[in-house]
Amino acid sequence: MGRLFGTDGVRGLANRFVTADLALKLGETAARVLVKERDSDARPTAIIGRDTRQSGAMLAQAVAAGLASAGVDVTHVDVVSTPAIAYLTANLDYDLGVMISASHNAMPDNGIKFFAHSGYKLADATEELIESMLDEEWERPVGEGVGRISGDYEVATREYLDHLSTAIAADLSGLRIAVDCANGAASELGPEALRRAGADVVVINASPDGKNINDACGSTHPEQLQALVVASEADFGVAFDGDADRCLAVDHTGEMVDGDQILGVLATGMKDDGKLVDDTLVITVMSNLGLLLAMEERGIKTVSTKVGDRYVLEAMKESGYALGGEQSGHVIAAEYATTGDGVLTALLLAEQVAKNGKTLRDLASFIHRLPQALVNVPGVDKTRTNSDEVLLAAVAKAEEGLGRTGRVLLRPSGTEPLVRVMVEAATQEEADRIAQDLAGVVAERLAL
């Protein structure tokens, strides 16, 4: 087995890769690592939540059993969003938070994410330590040393919703917002948070049955939302994924507003309010060049990281930046969250619409997305991507021809012998042509 933890916890096919046995071992081992690292003699505590997948209850109970077997008192809050668990871990003073979810993946998958006492995801070194200790023999506590397991869904939900209500000052009365809950963790939380702020909310895909999470709905399949926004004459719409750490939007005409555009709108609003630290937005290398050019026009600097919200967050924490995110809809507003939060993003976006008295379409109109082409080249030696001189020369020539109207990115896969060729250009035809030409060079030069 390769590294168990990916960029967002442990994830895979439930009951095949992510089994109850693995969940129990992860729970007890995470507890042992936690106890070693903490400097308190008080009984350690943990909070566990899950999304709406059928396998979630099984895995949550297994993790809880593992934690309790290592002497941790566990509070199970059932179905809540990932950002809710992150917030509750830090603000209700739990030593560890656990979320059972595979995020935007299809229903058969599931996953296990851990959050430290701070509400942030575990550091790589901590995850590696947990992996290394999984199969170690150890002495379990007995008697009063065994942890207790209890449930507290209503209190947890109320605490999180109360927190969200402090994030915006604007009254959303008069706004009609369509919401696609992906039949996931935000099926109750998302609409309720927007209604508390005064919005008229039209909801779809908020009837989870354990099997329909992310099924042709939510942020990965926004077609239903696009139709609903137009049919209901909503001001705009928002779509969450299964664990509600992402948010994409739809303007009143039914056109998509992606994560890059959402970030641009929020960054501009925060800069105007003096809340954008160092007038800087943190993005990833996959953000569209159109966003970078638009931010430059507005006097906003950008810092680019590797793909993955954890890398965005690392850059934000290191320099104290206030806002960052990904094109996929992970948006991190550091004043209110320690991870991407789709419901919070929806509230912040609605606040900009309400404050400015403009449509979302108008607010995002200054961000002109450049046409983009992406070609995957399999069966290659990805380790030579940044060293093959002929390939580098071909990339340089393409970039020279594109000038400021485009760019080229070669991105080796983290798990496969594959290189992704991404090209942005003034026209789709030009992007497609250059991407195909460079893919040919990659295939020829890096062939295994």
Protein backbone atom coordinates (compact mmCIF):
# COMPACT_ATOMS: atom_id res chain seq x y z
CA MET A 1 0.00 0.00 0.00
CA GLY A 2 1.22 3.52 -0.83
CA ARG A 3 0.70 6.50 1.45
CA LEU A 4 -2.66 6.06 3.15
CA PHE A 5 -3.43 9.75 3.59
CA GLY A 6 -4.00 11.89 0.51
CA THR A 7 -4.35 15.66 0.31
CA ASP A 8 -7.73 15.43 2.06
CA GLY A 9 -7.56 12.55 4.51
CA VAL A 10 -8.11 8.87 3.73
CA ARG A 11 -10.54 8.25 0.87
CA GLY A 12 -11.65 5.34 -1.29
CA LEU A 13 -14.33 2.74 -1.93
CA ALA A 14 -16.24 2.17 1.31
CA ASN A 15 -16.10 -1.35 2.73
CA ARG A 16 -13.34 -2.32 0.30
CA PHE A 17 -10.55 0.20 0.93
CA VAL A 18 -12.13 2.35 3.64
CA THR A 19 -13.36 -0.47 5.88
CA ALA A 20 -14.75 -0.51 9.42
CA ASP A 21 -11.53 -2.26 10.50
CA LEU A 22 -9.39 0.51 9.01
CA ALA A 23 -11.64 3.16 10.55
CA LEU A 24 -11.30 1.58 14.00
CA LYS A 25 -7.52 1.38 13.67
CA LEU A 26 -7.31 4.98 12.49
CA GLY A 27 -9.43 6.09 15.42
CA GLU A 28 -7.40 4.33 18.07
CA THR A 29 -4.05 5.28 16.49
CA ALA A 30 -5.04 8.94 16.04
CA ALA A 31 -6.00 8.93 19.72
CA ARG A 32 -2.63 7.51 20.75
CA VAL A 33 -0.79 10.15 18.73
CA LEU A 34 -3.05 12.82 20.18
CA VAL A 35 -2.38 11.73 23.76
CA LYS A 36 1.37 11.79 23.13
CA GLU A 37 1.24 15.33 21.72
CA ARG A 38 -1.11 16.99 24.21
CA ASP A 39 0.19 18.63 27.39
CA SER A 40 -2.94 18.21 29.53
CA ASP A 41 -3.80 15.54 32.07
CA ALA A 42 -7.52 16.00 31.44
CA ARG A 43 -9.41 13.25 29.68
CA PRO A 44 -9.05 13.72 25.90
CA THR A 45 -12.16 14.46 23.83
CA ALA A 46 -13.16 14.12 20.19
CA ILE A 47 -16.10 15.12 18.00
CA ILE A 48 -17.28 13.10 14.99
CA GLY A 49 -19.60 14.07 12.15
CA ARG A 50 -20.52 12.53 8.81
CA ASP A 51 -22.18 13.30 5.51
CA THR A 52 -25.26 11.45 4.25
CA ARG A 53 -23.67 8.37 2.64
CA GLN A 54 -25.11 5.02 3.59
CA SER A 55 -21.69 3.82 4.76
CA GLY A 56 -21.18 6.88 6.96
CA ALA A 57 -22.89 5.58 10.08
CA MET A 58 -20.88 2.36 9.97
CA LEU A 59 -17.56 4.17 9.63
CA ALA A 60 -18.40 6.84 12.19
CA GLN A 61 -19.26 4.17 14.77
CA ALA A 62 -16.02 2.35 14.00
CA VAL A 63 -13.90 5.48 14.42
CA ALA A 64 -15.75 6.28 17.64
CA ALA A 65 -15.06 2.78 18.94
CA GLY A 66 -11.38 3.15 18.11
CA LEU A 67 -11.13 6.51 19.87
CA ALA A 68 -13.02 5.25 22.93
CA SER A 69 -10.83 2.16 23.15
CA ALA A 70 -7.88 4.50 23.55
CA GLY A 71 -9.52 6.42 26.37
CA VAL A 72 -11.06 9.32 24.43
CA ASP A 73 -14.55 10.64 25.23
CA VAL A 74 -16.41 10.97 21.93
CA THR A 75 -19.31 13.23 20.95
CA HIS A 76 -21.11 12.03 17.81
CA VAL A 77 -23.04 14.85 16.08
CA ASP A 78 -24.29 12.78 13.13
CA VAL A 79 -24.87 14.64 9.82
CA VAL A 80 -23.05 17.98 9.61
CA SER A 81 -20.71 19.60 7.11
CA THR A 82 -16.93 19.28 7.12
CA PRO A 83 -16.41 22.98 7.96
CA ALA A 84 -18.87 22.60 10.84
CA ILE A 85 -16.69 19.87 12.36
CA ALA A 86 -13.58 22.03 11.87
CA TYR A 87 -15.27 24.97 13.61
CA LEU A 88 -16.74 22.92 16.45
CA THR A 89 -13.45 21.15 17.14
CA ALA A 90 -11.69 24.44 17.79
CA ASN A 91 -14.47 26.45 19.39
CA LEU A 92 -15.98 23.78 21.64
CA ASP A 93 -12.48 22.82 22.80
CA TYR A 94 -12.24 19.26 21.48
CA ASP A 95 -8.81 17.70 21.20
CA LEU A 96 -9.62 16.08 17.86
CA GLY A 97 -12.27 16.35 15.16
CA VAL A 98 -13.22 13.62 12.69
CA MET A 99 -15.34 13.94 9.55
CA ILE A 100 -16.59 10.89 7.68
CA SER A 101 -17.00 11.98 4.06
CA ALA A 102 -15.71 11.56 0.53
CA SER A 103 -16.69 15.14 -0.32
CA HIS A 104 -17.71 15.44 -3.99
CA ASN A 105 -17.04 11.76 -4.81
CA ALA A 106 -19.83 9.39 -5.83
CA MET A 107 -21.85 7.66 -3.11
CA PRO A 108 -19.96 4.31 -3.00
CA ASP A 109 -16.79 6.10 -1.81
CA ASN A 110 -16.21 7.40 1.67
CA GLY A 111 -13.36 8.91 3.64
CA ILE A 112 -11.99 9.93 7.02
CA LYS A 113 -10.63 13.41 7.73
CA PHE A 114 -9.00 14.44 10.99
CA PHE A 115 -8.81 17.94 12.46
CA ALA A 116 -6.43 19.02 15.19
CA HIS A 117 -7.52 20.96 18.30
CA SER A 118 -6.97 24.17 16.31
CA GLY A 119 -9.60 23.20 13.73
CA TYR A 120 -6.96 22.79 11.02
CA LYS A 121 -6.32 19.55 9.16
CA LEU A 122 -3.47 17.46 10.54
CA ALA A 123 0.06 18.22 9.42
CA ASP A 124 1.71 15.79 7.01
CA ALA A 125 4.11 14.67 9.72
CA THR A 126 1.25 13.81 12.07
CA GLU A 127 -0.55 11.82 9.37
CA GLU A 128 2.67 9.95 8.61
CA LEU A 129 3.10 9.14 12.30
CA ILE A 130 -0.45 7.76 12.47
CA GLU A 131 0.24 5.58 9.43
CA SER A 132 3.49 4.27 10.87
CA MET A 133 1.80 3.24 14.13
CA LEU A 134 -1.33 1.59 12.67
CA ASP A 135 -0.27 -2.02 13.23
CA GLU A 136 1.73 -1.55 16.43
CA GLU A 137 0.84 -3.58 19.49
CA TRP A 138 -0.26 -1.41 22.41
CA GLU A 139 -1.85 -1.70 25.83
CA ARG A 140 -5.48 -0.61 25.86
CA PRO A 141 -7.00 1.09 28.91
CA VAL A 142 -9.58 -0.83 30.97
CA GLY A 143 -12.32 0.04 33.44
CA GLU A 144 -12.79 3.75 33.87
CA GLY A 145 -10.00 4.35 31.40
CA VAL A 146 -12.24 3.39 28.46
CA GLY A 147 -13.74 6.37 26.66
CA ARG A 148 -17.43 7.25 26.60
CA ILE A 149 -19.54 7.87 23.46
CA SER A 150 -22.49 10.28 23.42
CA GLY A 151 -24.57 12.21 20.87
CA ASP A 152 -25.29 15.96 20.66
CA TYR A 153 -26.59 16.88 17.20
CA GLU A 154 -28.86 19.82 18.06
CA VAL A 155 -26.32 21.72 20.13
CA ALA A 156 -23.61 21.26 17.50
CA THR A 157 -25.87 22.48 14.69
CA ARG A 158 -27.05 25.50 16.68
CA GLU A 159 -23.47 26.49 17.59
CA TYR A 160 -22.36 26.34 13.97
CA LEU A 161 -25.38 28.24 12.62
CA ASP A 162 -24.93 30.90 15.30
CA HIS A 163 -21.32 31.25 14.18
CA LEU A 164 -22.30 31.66 10.53
CA SER A 165 -24.80 34.35 11.43
CA THR A 166 -21.92 36.53 12.68
CA ALA A 167 -20.07 36.36 9.36
CA ILE A 168 -22.16 38.93 7.49
CA ALA A 169 -23.73 42.22 8.50
CA ALA A 170 -25.94 42.71 5.45
CA ASP A 171 -29.66 41.92 5.51
CA LEU A 172 -30.44 39.52 2.67
CA SER A 173 -34.14 40.37 2.66
CA GLY A 174 -35.35 40.83 -0.89
CA LEU A 175 -32.89 38.33 -2.32
CA ARG A 176 -34.18 35.06 -3.72
CA ILE A 177 -31.46 32.44 -3.69
CA ALA A 178 -31.74 28.98 -5.24
CA VAL A 179 -29.78 26.29 -3.39
CA ASP A 180 -28.71 22.83 -4.56
CA CYS A 181 -27.71 20.87 -1.46
CA ALA A 182 -26.39 17.81 -3.36
CA ASN A 183 -28.48 15.62 -1.02
CA GLY A 184 -25.53 15.99 1.29
CA ALA A 185 -24.43 17.35 4.63
CA ALA A 186 -25.78 20.88 4.03
CA SER A 187 -29.32 19.76 3.19
CA GLU A 188 -30.58 21.43 6.37
CA LEU A 189 -27.66 23.69 7.31
CA GLY A 190 -27.32 25.52 4.00
CA PRO A 191 -30.89 26.74 3.49
CA GLU A 192 -31.32 27.51 7.20
CA ALA A 193 -28.20 29.72 7.30
CA LEU A 194 -29.42 31.76 4.32
CA ARG A 195 -32.96 32.04 5.70
CA ARG A 196 -31.61 33.28 9.05
CA ALA A 197 -29.89 36.08 7.12
CA GLY A 198 -33.22 37.08 5.57
CA ALA A 199 -33.06 35.47 2.13
CA ASP A 200 -35.98 33.84 0.33
CA VAL A 201 -34.58 30.37 -0.37
CA VAL A 202 -35.65 27.92 -3.07
CA VAL A 203 -34.20 24.46 -2.42
CA ILE A 204 -33.53 21.33 -4.47
CA ASN A 205 -31.74 18.07 -3.70
CA ALA A 206 -32.18 18.32 0.06
CA SER A 207 -33.75 14.89 0.63
CA PRO A 208 -30.81 12.56 1.32
CA ASP A 209 -31.57 8.85 1.45
CA GLY A 210 -28.04 7.53 1.88
CA LYS A 211 -27.71 6.75 -1.82
CA ASN A 212 -28.37 10.00 -3.71
CA ILE A 213 -25.52 12.20 -2.44
CA ASN A 214 -23.85 14.03 -5.38
CA ASP A 215 -26.03 12.00 -7.77
CA ALA A 216 -26.46 14.23 -10.84
CA CYS A 217 -26.69 17.24 -8.53
CA GLY A 218 -24.66 19.70 -6.50
CA SER A 219 -21.46 21.45 -7.48
CA THR A 220 -20.29 18.63 -9.75
CA HIS A 221 -23.57 18.58 -11.71
CA PRO A 222 -25.05 22.11 -11.66
CA GLU A 223 -27.50 21.67 -14.55
CA GLN A 224 -30.55 21.33 -12.27
CA LEU A 225 -29.58 24.49 -10.41
CA GLN A 226 -29.07 26.44 -13.62
CA ALA A 227 -32.60 25.56 -14.73
CA LEU A 228 -34.07 26.29 -11.28
CA VAL A 229 -32.52 29.76 -11.05
CA VAL A 230 -34.14 30.81 -14.31
CA ALA A 231 -37.48 29.08 -13.63
CA SER A 232 -37.82 30.52 -10.11
CA GLU A 233 -36.56 33.99 -11.13
CA ALA A 234 -33.93 33.78 -8.41
CA ASP A 235 -31.29 36.49 -8.06
CA PHE A 236 -28.67 33.76 -8.16
CA GLY A 237 -28.06 30.20 -7.06
CA VAL A 238 -25.44 28.25 -5.12
CA ALA A 239 -24.47 24.59 -5.31
CA PHE A 240 -22.71 22.67 -2.54
CA ASP A 241 -20.94 19.31 -2.71
CA GLY A 242 -21.55 16.33 -0.45
CA ASP A 243 -19.77 17.66 2.64
CA ALA A 244 -20.38 21.36 1.82
CA ASP A 245 -16.77 22.48 1.80
CA ARG A 246 -17.27 23.75 -1.77
CA CYS A 247 -19.60 26.28 -3.33
CA LEU A 248 -20.16 27.19 -6.97
CA ALA A 249 -22.72 29.75 -8.12
CA VAL A 250 -25.11 30.47 -10.97
CA ASP A 251 -26.10 34.01 -11.99
CA HIS A 252 -29.69 35.06 -12.72
CA THR A 253 -29.36 34.13 -16.41
CA GLY A 254 -28.33 30.55 -15.57
CA GLU A 255 -24.64 31.05 -16.34
CA MET A 256 -22.04 29.42 -14.07
CA VAL A 257 -19.91 31.51 -11.71
CA ASP A 258 -16.96 29.30 -10.75
CA GLY A 259 -14.58 29.39 -7.81
CA ASP A 260 -12.18 31.79 -9.53
CA GLN A 261 -14.95 34.29 -10.17
CA ILE A 262 -16.31 33.92 -6.64
CA LEU A 263 -12.83 34.58 -5.26
CA GLY A 264 -12.50 37.65 -7.49
CA VAL A 265 -15.81 39.08 -6.29
CA LEU A 266 -15.02 38.43 -2.62
CA ALA A 267 -11.44 39.72 -2.88
CA THR A 268 -12.62 42.95 -4.46
CA GLY A 269 -15.25 43.46 -1.78
CA MET A 270 -12.79 42.73 1.01
CA LYS A 271 -10.23 45.11 -0.47
CA ASP A 272 -12.84 47.87 -0.63
CA ASP A 273 -13.67 47.21 3.05
CA GLY A 274 -9.99 47.16 4.07
CA LYS A 275 -10.18 43.47 5.07
CA LEU A 276 -7.95 41.90 2.40
CA VAL A 277 -4.61 41.51 4.18
CA ASP A 278 -1.78 43.03 2.09
CA ASP A 279 -4.33 43.27 -0.76
CA THR A 280 -3.38 39.67 -1.57
CA LEU A 281 -5.44 36.68 -2.73
CA VAL A 282 -4.08 33.13 -2.49
CA ILE A 283 -4.95 30.83 -5.41
CA THR A 284 -3.56 27.68 -7.04
CA VAL A 285 -1.64 27.24 -10.27
CA MET A 286 -4.84 25.96 -11.89
CA SER A 287 -6.70 29.24 -11.43
CA ASN A 288 -7.59 30.81 -14.77
CA LEU A 289 -5.21 33.48 -16.03
CA GLY A 290 -8.24 35.70 -16.45
CA LEU A 291 -8.54 35.90 -12.65
CA LEU A 292 -4.89 36.94 -12.27
CA LEU A 293 -5.27 39.69 -14.89
CA ALA A 294 -8.52 40.91 -13.33
CA MET A 295 -6.96 41.06 -9.87
CA GLU A 296 -4.01 42.99 -11.26
CA GLU A 297 -6.43 45.54 -12.72
CA ARG A 298 -8.05 45.97 -9.29
CA GLY A 299 -4.72 46.39 -7.50
CA ILE A 300 -4.86 42.96 -5.87
CA LYS A 301 -1.76 40.75 -5.74
CA THR A 302 -2.00 36.98 -6.13
CA VAL A 303 0.06 34.19 -4.57
CA SER A 304 -0.11 30.80 -6.33
CA THR A 305 0.29 27.41 -4.65
CA LYS A 306 0.15 23.76 -5.66
CA VAL A 307 -3.31 22.32 -6.30
CA GLY A 308 -5.13 21.44 -3.08
CA ASP A 309 -6.89 23.57 -0.48
CA ARG A 310 -4.40 22.46 2.18
CA TYR A 311 -1.59 24.19 0.23
CA VAL A 312 -3.70 27.32 -0.13
CA LEU A 313 -4.27 27.27 3.62
CA GLU A 314 -0.56 26.75 4.36
CA ALA A 315 0.30 29.88 2.36
CA MET A 316 -2.47 31.84 4.07
CA LYS A 317 -1.33 30.82 7.56
CA GLU A 318 2.33 31.48 6.82
CA SER A 319 1.73 35.11 5.79
CA GLY A 320 -1.54 35.87 7.56
CA TYR A 321 -3.57 36.29 4.38
CA ALA A 322 -7.34 36.58 4.71
CA LEU A 323 -8.71 34.93 1.58
CA GLY A 324 -7.77 32.06 -0.69
CA GLY A 325 -9.20 29.19 -2.64
CA GLU A 326 -9.51 27.07 -5.73
CA GLN A 327 -11.35 27.17 -9.04
CA SER A 328 -13.32 24.12 -7.85
CA GLY A 329 -15.13 26.21 -5.24
CA HIS A 330 -13.03 25.68 -2.12
CA VAL A 331 -13.00 29.18 -0.60
CA ILE A 332 -11.23 29.85 2.69
CA ALA A 333 -12.15 33.04 4.57
CA ALA A 334 -9.62 32.99 7.40
CA GLU A 335 -11.55 35.32 9.72
CA TYR A 336 -14.35 32.79 10.02
CA ALA A 337 -13.05 29.36 8.99
CA THR A 338 -10.04 27.07 9.08
CA THR A 339 -11.03 25.21 5.93
CA GLY A 340 -13.13 25.67 2.80
CA ASP A 341 -16.75 26.37 3.75
CA GLY A 342 -19.45 26.29 1.08
CA VAL A 343 -22.26 27.69 3.23
CA LEU A 344 -20.07 30.52 4.49
CA THR A 345 -19.04 31.26 0.90
CA ALA A 346 -22.70 31.47 -0.14
CA LEU A 347 -23.39 33.95 2.67
CA LEU A 348 -20.38 36.12 1.84
CA LEU A 349 -21.30 36.14 -1.85
CA ALA A 350 -24.90 37.06 -1.06
CA GLU A 351 -23.63 39.89 1.13
CA GLN A 352 -21.72 41.35 -1.82
CA VAL A 353 -24.84 41.21 -3.99
CA ALA A 354 -26.95 42.86 -1.28
CA LYS A 355 -24.40 45.56 -0.40
CA ASN A 356 -23.64 46.57 -3.97
CA GLY A 357 -27.16 46.45 -5.30
CA LYS A 358 -25.86 44.70 -8.41
CA THR A 359 -26.52 41.31 -9.91
CA LEU A 360 -23.97 38.59 -9.42
CA ARG A 361 -23.47 38.63 -13.18
CA ASP A 362 -22.47 42.32 -13.02
CA LEU A 363 -20.21 41.81 -10.00
CA ALA A 364 -18.29 39.00 -11.74
CA SER A 365 -18.26 40.60 -15.21
CA PHE A 366 -14.77 42.09 -14.86
CA ILE A 367 -13.25 38.60 -14.64
CA HIS A 368 -12.87 37.41 -18.22
CA ARG A 369 -12.09 33.71 -18.21
CA LEU A 370 -9.59 32.75 -20.89
CA PRO A 371 -10.43 29.65 -22.95
CA GLN A 372 -8.68 26.64 -21.45
CA ALA A 373 -7.61 23.25 -22.84
CA LEU A 374 -6.47 20.30 -20.73
CA VAL A 375 -4.88 17.17 -22.20
CA ASN A 376 -3.78 14.18 -20.11
CA VAL A 377 -0.71 12.33 -21.41
CA PRO A 378 -0.47 8.85 -19.80
CA GLY A 379 2.38 6.35 -19.82
CA VAL A 380 5.21 8.85 -19.44
CA ASP A 381 8.12 9.47 -17.07
CA LYS A 382 6.65 12.40 -15.17
CA THR A 383 9.89 12.89 -13.19
CA ARG A 384 11.52 14.41 -16.29
CA THR A 385 8.77 16.99 -16.88
CA ASN A 386 10.87 19.90 -15.66
CA SER A 387 14.24 18.73 -16.93
CA ASP A 388 13.84 17.62 -20.56
CA GLU A 389 15.42 20.43 -22.55
CA VAL A 390 13.51 19.83 -25.78
CA LEU A 391 10.19 19.85 -23.92
CA LEU A 392 11.11 22.98 -21.99
CA ALA A 393 12.09 24.73 -25.20
CA ALA A 394 8.73 23.83 -26.77
CA VAL A 395 6.92 25.23 -23.74
CA ALA A 396 8.98 28.43 -23.84
CA LYS A 397 8.22 28.92 -27.54
CA ALA A 398 4.49 28.43 -26.93
CA GLU A 399 4.51 30.88 -24.03
CA GLU A 400 6.37 33.47 -26.10
CA GLY A 401 3.69 33.24 -28.76
CA LEU A 402 0.89 33.57 -26.22
CA GLY A 403 2.37 36.58 -24.44
CA ARG A 404 0.07 38.03 -21.76
CA THR A 405 -2.99 36.54 -23.44
CA GLY A 406 -2.25 32.98 -22.34
CA ARG A 407 -0.03 30.55 -20.49
CA VAL A 408 1.15 26.94 -20.40
CA LEU A 409 1.25 24.63 -17.40
CA LEU A 410 2.66 21.09 -17.27
CA ARG A 411 1.49 19.29 -14.14
CA PRO A 412 2.75 15.79 -13.29
CA SER A 413 0.13 13.58 -11.62
CA GLY A 414 0.71 12.79 -7.97
CA THR A 415 -0.35 9.16 -8.29
CA GLU A 416 0.00 8.02 -11.94
CA PRO A 417 2.66 8.01 -14.71
CA LEU A 418 0.80 10.90 -16.31
CA VAL A 419 1.40 14.55 -17.19
CA ARG A 420 -1.42 17.08 -17.57
CA VAL A 421 -0.92 19.74 -20.22
CA MET A 422 -2.98 22.86 -19.57
CA VAL A 423 -3.06 25.79 -22.01
CA GLU A 424 -4.97 29.07 -21.80
CA ALA A 425 -5.20 31.30 -24.85
CA ALA A 426 -7.22 34.09 -26.46
CA THR A 427 -9.41 31.57 -28.32
CA GLN A 428 -10.49 28.00 -27.66
CA GLU A 429 -9.09 26.92 -31.02
CA GLU A 430 -5.67 28.28 -30.17
CA ALA A 431 -5.71 26.68 -26.70
CA ASP A 432 -6.73 23.31 -28.15
CA ARG A 433 -4.08 23.42 -30.87
CA ILE A 434 -1.20 24.34 -28.57
CA ALA A 435 -2.28 21.80 -25.93
CA GLN A 436 -2.38 19.00 -28.50
CA ASP A 437 1.01 20.01 -29.96
CA LEU A 438 2.65 20.06 -26.51
CA ALA A 439 0.97 16.80 -25.53
CA GLY A 440 2.67 15.24 -28.56
CA VAL A 441 6.04 16.54 -27.40
CA VAL A 442 5.42 15.20 -23.88
CA ALA A 443 4.45 11.78 -25.21
CA GLU A 444 7.55 11.63 -27.45
CA ARG A 445 10.14 13.02 -25.04
CA LEU A 446 8.93 11.39 -21.80
CA ALA A 447 7.89 7.99 -23.15
CA LEU A 448 8.59 5.13 -20.76
